[in-house]
Amino acid sequence: MTITMNNEQRCERLDQFIRENRLIRKAWTGTDAQGRETACLLAALAPECAKGNVIECPSELMPQWLAELTPWIDDAPSEEAWPVIVKRYAELSHRWHVLTPDAWSRLDFTARAIAVRKAREFVPASRVGVMNAIDDVLALLGRATDGGDVNANEWAAARVAARAARAAEASVAAEGAWAVRAAAGAADEAAEGAGAAARAAAWAARAAWAAARVAARAARAAEAQAADQIITAILDAIEVEIAKAEGGAA
């Protein structure tokens, strides 16, 4: 699909969908009772993605990792938090054009770390192997966020350790083992190197979400609360980077 629309027009389109209550979740597009077009958060901004083809999201609108994460940002929050989250996302979309590729790269690693830290909350201190694997990944993500160099071998080693910890939990019958395995999975998914992980933040967020759900014995409220917290922290981080860029441009 070829769409002729600049970024500001895209943001205004999203604003209109929100204002007219035509933004939907858990579906890509549709029609409302009045026969009007409806769309999810990503498809409202990028109609190219209307059939779920996230890869078609224009790179000048947002980086691929955020495009991959956006459907989850739309679908995962609690009913109470969702309206606030999508409005805030829309507001930030008007401002994030000031971000450089380096800033977006930092945010990619920051988003992964946010998800992994949330997943870590569901790991008992007795699971030393999983804790160590998660902490190693968090250390690499922290270094990458600060602009430090992390080579491919370091990312690969962290993934191997996280996968081993994840696999070890498969044989554990104790209560909570599924949550711990999901937490190790969040670390595994987050430990992708720079430039090779368009979906890493989304995978890590979903794994952390799963850890919350399993830890609470499939309680929807706990699952949604974890999503609210992860998404809010990611939007906070985006806003901080935007404020820095806007301040520097002033």
Protein backbone atom coordinates (compact mmCIF):
# COMPACT_ATOMS: atom_id res chain seq x y z
CA MET A 1 0.00 0.00 0.00
CA THR A 2 1.36 3.42 -0.99
CA ILE A 3 0.36 6.18 1.42
CA THR A 4 1.11 9.82 0.68
CA MET A 5 1.08 11.41 4.10
CA ASN A 6 3.68 13.31 6.09
CA ASN A 7 4.34 12.58 9.75
CA GLU A 8 2.31 15.49 11.08
CA GLN A 9 -0.68 14.39 9.02
CA ARG A 10 -0.28 10.91 10.45
CA CYS A 11 -0.23 12.29 13.99
CA GLU A 12 -3.31 14.39 13.27
CA ARG A 13 -5.04 11.30 11.90
CA LEU A 14 -4.33 9.49 15.17
CA ASP A 15 -5.64 12.47 17.14
CA GLN A 16 -8.84 12.36 15.11
CA PHE A 17 -9.35 8.63 15.70
CA ILE A 18 -8.93 9.18 19.44
CA ARG A 19 -11.18 12.25 19.49
CA GLU A 20 -13.94 10.46 17.56
CA ASN A 21 -13.67 7.24 19.60
CA ARG A 22 -12.57 5.29 16.53
CA LEU A 23 -9.39 3.89 18.06
CA ILE A 24 -9.69 0.17 18.81
CA ARG A 25 -7.65 -2.55 20.44
CA LYS A 26 -7.16 -6.27 19.85
CA ALA A 27 -7.96 -5.82 16.15
CA TRP A 28 -6.17 -4.00 13.36
CA THR A 29 -9.07 -2.24 11.65
CA GLY A 30 -12.86 -2.39 11.39
CA THR A 31 -15.97 -0.24 11.27
CA ASP A 32 -18.08 1.13 14.08
CA ALA A 33 -21.88 1.19 14.46
CA GLN A 34 -22.00 4.30 12.30
CA GLY A 35 -20.05 2.67 9.50
CA ARG A 36 -16.93 4.72 10.16
CA GLU A 37 -13.44 3.32 9.78
CA THR A 38 -11.79 2.19 13.02
CA ALA A 39 -8.15 1.32 13.53
CA CYS A 40 -5.69 0.25 16.20
CA LEU A 41 -3.00 2.57 17.51
CA LEU A 42 -0.42 1.60 14.90
CA ALA A 43 -2.80 1.46 11.92
CA ALA A 44 -4.24 4.86 12.83
CA LEU A 45 -0.73 6.31 12.52
CA ALA A 46 0.46 4.10 9.70
CA PRO A 47 -2.40 2.83 7.48
CA GLU A 48 0.22 0.74 5.67
CA CYS A 49 0.08 -1.58 8.69
CA ALA A 50 -3.70 -2.06 8.52
CA LYS A 51 -3.40 -5.78 7.75
CA GLY A 52 -0.89 -6.46 10.50
CA ASN A 53 2.16 -5.95 8.31
CA VAL A 54 4.16 -4.01 10.91
CA ILE A 55 7.26 -4.07 8.75
CA GLU A 56 5.53 -1.58 6.43
CA CYS A 57 5.59 1.15 9.07
CA PRO A 58 7.61 4.05 7.61
CA SER A 59 11.04 4.37 9.19
CA GLU A 60 10.74 8.16 9.17
CA LEU A 61 7.70 7.87 11.44
CA MET A 62 9.28 5.65 14.09
CA PRO A 63 11.99 2.99 14.37
CA GLN A 64 10.98 -0.60 13.66
CA TRP A 65 11.38 -1.68 17.29
CA LEU A 66 8.73 0.82 18.40
CA ALA A 67 6.44 -0.17 15.53
CA GLU A 68 6.73 -3.80 16.72
CA LEU A 69 6.00 -2.74 20.30
CA THR A 70 3.06 -0.44 19.50
CA PRO A 71 0.36 -3.13 18.99
CA TRP A 72 1.23 -4.49 22.45
CA ILE A 73 1.09 -0.97 23.90
CA ASP A 74 -2.43 -0.76 22.49
CA ASP A 75 -3.67 -4.21 23.50
CA ALA A 76 -2.04 -4.93 26.86
CA PRO A 77 -3.00 -2.10 29.26
CA SER A 78 -5.83 -2.21 31.75
CA GLU A 79 -9.17 -0.77 30.66
CA GLU A 80 -8.64 2.11 33.07
CA ALA A 81 -5.14 3.00 31.87
CA TRP A 82 -5.67 2.50 28.14
CA PRO A 83 -7.26 5.90 27.33
CA VAL A 84 -4.50 7.75 29.17
CA ILE A 85 -1.77 5.66 27.55
CA VAL A 86 -2.96 6.10 23.96
CA LYS A 87 -3.49 9.84 24.40
CA ARG A 88 -0.01 10.20 25.83
CA TYR A 89 1.45 8.11 23.02
CA ALA A 90 -0.32 10.37 20.52
CA GLU A 91 1.04 13.49 22.20
CA LEU A 92 4.57 12.11 22.12
CA SER A 93 4.20 11.16 18.45
CA HIS A 94 3.87 14.87 17.62
CA ARG A 95 7.16 15.57 19.38
CA TRP A 96 9.45 12.62 18.74
CA HIS A 97 10.57 13.88 15.31
CA VAL A 98 13.37 15.68 17.22
CA LEU A 99 14.97 12.37 18.22
CA THR A 100 18.17 11.30 16.50
CA PRO A 101 19.01 7.71 15.53
CA ASP A 102 21.31 7.56 18.57
CA ALA A 103 18.47 8.65 20.86
CA TRP A 104 16.15 6.04 19.38
CA SER A 105 18.86 3.41 19.83
CA ARG A 106 19.21 4.33 23.51
CA LEU A 107 15.46 4.07 23.90
CA ASP A 108 15.44 0.63 22.30
CA PHE A 109 17.84 -0.67 24.96
CA THR A 110 16.01 1.27 27.68
CA ALA A 111 12.68 -0.31 26.71
CA ARG A 112 14.21 -3.79 26.84
CA ALA A 113 15.71 -3.09 30.27
CA ILE A 114 12.39 -1.82 31.61
CA ALA A 115 10.70 -5.07 30.63
CA VAL A 116 13.49 -7.26 32.01
CA ARG A 117 13.51 -5.41 35.34
CA LYS A 118 9.77 -5.94 35.65
CA ALA A 119 10.18 -9.64 34.88
CA ARG A 120 12.95 -9.88 37.49
CA GLU A 121 10.46 -8.89 40.19
CA PHE A 122 8.83 -12.31 39.83
CA VAL A 123 12.02 -14.32 40.38
CA PRO A 124 12.63 -15.57 43.96
CA ALA A 125 16.11 -14.85 45.31
CA SER A 126 16.61 -18.61 45.61
CA ARG A 127 16.73 -18.90 41.78
CA VAL A 128 20.35 -17.75 41.69
CA GLY A 129 21.04 -18.92 38.13
CA VAL A 130 18.11 -17.03 36.69
CA MET A 131 18.90 -13.93 38.74
CA ASN A 132 22.51 -13.97 37.53
CA ALA A 133 21.47 -14.40 33.90
CA ILE A 134 18.98 -11.53 34.15
CA ASP A 135 21.45 -9.26 35.91
CA ASP A 136 24.09 -9.93 33.25
CA VAL A 137 21.64 -8.91 30.54
CA LEU A 138 20.63 -5.80 32.49
CA ALA A 139 24.31 -4.82 32.81
CA LEU A 140 24.77 -5.05 29.04
CA LEU A 141 21.57 -3.11 28.39
CA GLY A 142 22.70 -0.43 30.83
CA ARG A 143 26.04 -0.10 29.10
CA ALA A 144 24.38 0.09 25.67
CA THR A 145 21.91 2.69 26.93
CA ASP A 146 24.81 4.81 28.16
CA GLY A 147 26.41 4.67 24.73
CA GLY A 148 29.02 2.08 25.62
CA ASP A 149 30.15 -0.60 23.21
CA VAL A 150 28.78 -4.10 23.64
CA ASN A 151 30.21 -6.55 21.16
CA ALA A 152 28.38 -9.41 19.49
CA ASN A 153 30.14 -12.03 21.60
CA GLU A 154 28.90 -10.41 24.81
CA TRP A 155 25.31 -10.34 23.58
CA ALA A 156 25.60 -13.95 22.43
CA ALA A 157 27.01 -15.11 25.77
CA ALA A 158 24.22 -13.35 27.65
CA ARG A 159 21.60 -15.03 25.47
CA VAL A 160 23.18 -18.44 26.00
CA ALA A 161 23.10 -17.95 29.77
CA ALA A 162 19.52 -16.70 29.75
CA ARG A 163 18.37 -19.58 27.57
CA ALA A 164 20.13 -22.07 29.82
CA ALA A 165 18.40 -20.58 32.85
CA ARG A 166 15.10 -20.66 31.00
CA ALA A 167 15.60 -24.31 30.04
CA ALA A 168 16.57 -25.27 33.58
CA GLU A 169 13.22 -23.99 34.83
CA ALA A 170 11.41 -26.34 32.46
CA SER A 171 12.25 -29.26 34.76
CA VAL A 172 11.23 -27.46 37.96
CA ALA A 173 7.85 -28.47 39.29
CA ALA A 174 7.72 -25.95 42.12
CA GLU A 175 5.03 -23.30 42.17
CA GLY A 176 6.15 -20.17 40.36
CA ALA A 177 8.56 -21.96 38.03
CA TRP A 178 6.58 -20.88 34.98
CA ALA A 179 6.90 -17.23 36.01
CA VAL A 180 10.62 -17.63 36.54
CA ARG A 181 10.97 -19.25 33.13
CA ALA A 182 9.09 -16.34 31.56
CA ALA A 183 11.38 -13.90 33.34
CA ALA A 184 14.43 -15.70 31.97
CA GLY A 185 12.73 -15.53 28.59
CA ALA A 186 12.46 -11.76 28.87
CA ALA A 187 16.22 -11.59 29.43
CA ASP A 188 16.81 -13.96 26.53
CA GLU A 189 14.72 -11.89 24.13
CA ALA A 190 16.25 -8.61 25.33
CA ALA A 191 19.84 -9.78 24.81
CA GLU A 192 19.82 -9.12 21.08
CA GLY A 193 22.61 -7.05 19.66
CA ALA A 194 22.20 -3.58 18.19
CA GLY A 195 20.68 -3.42 14.73
CA ALA A 196 19.58 -7.06 14.67
CA ALA A 197 16.59 -7.02 16.97
CA ALA A 198 13.61 -5.10 15.62
CA ARG A 199 11.29 -7.12 17.83
CA ALA A 200 13.47 -7.50 20.92
CA ALA A 201 11.71 -4.88 23.01
CA ALA A 202 8.30 -6.28 22.10
CA TRP A 203 9.36 -9.84 22.85
CA ALA A 204 10.89 -8.84 26.18
CA ALA A 205 7.78 -6.88 27.16
CA ARG A 206 5.49 -9.79 26.33
CA ALA A 207 7.67 -12.19 28.31
CA ALA A 208 7.63 -9.88 31.33
CA TRP A 209 3.86 -9.60 30.95
CA ALA A 210 3.64 -13.40 30.92
CA ALA A 211 5.75 -13.62 34.07
CA ALA A 212 3.32 -11.32 35.87
CA ARG A 213 0.33 -13.30 34.69
CA VAL A 214 1.74 -16.68 35.68
CA ALA A 215 3.03 -15.43 39.03
CA ALA A 216 -0.47 -14.26 39.85
CA ARG A 217 -2.01 -17.54 38.68
CA ALA A 218 -3.39 -16.07 35.48
CA ALA A 219 -4.96 -13.07 37.22
CA ARG A 220 -5.90 -10.61 34.51
CA ALA A 221 -5.58 -7.67 36.90
CA ALA A 222 -1.92 -8.46 37.68
CA GLU A 223 -1.14 -8.96 34.01
CA ALA A 224 -2.68 -5.62 33.06
CA GLN A 225 -1.00 -3.84 35.96
CA ALA A 226 2.41 -5.09 34.82
CA ALA A 227 1.67 -3.88 31.30
CA ASP A 228 0.57 -0.48 32.60
CA GLN A 229 3.82 -0.13 34.53
CA ILE A 230 6.06 -1.26 31.65
CA ILE A 231 4.34 0.99 29.12
CA THR A 232 4.29 4.02 31.40
CA ALA A 233 8.01 3.63 32.07
CA ILE A 234 8.76 3.35 28.34
CA LEU A 235 6.68 6.44 27.55
CA ASP A 236 8.45 8.26 30.41
CA ALA A 237 11.80 7.38 28.85
CA ILE A 238 10.69 8.60 25.42
CA GLU A 239 9.49 11.87 26.94
CA VAL A 240 12.81 12.37 28.76
CA GLU A 241 14.75 11.93 25.50
CA ILE A 242 12.40 14.32 23.69
CA ALA A 243 12.79 16.94 26.42
CA LYS A 244 16.58 16.66 26.17
CA ALA A 245 16.45 17.11 22.40
CA GLU A 246 14.00 19.99 22.58
CA GLY A 247 16.14 21.68 25.21
CA GLY A 248 19.23 21.27 23.06
CA ALA A 249 17.44 22.75 20.07
CA ALA A 250 16.23 25.79 21.97
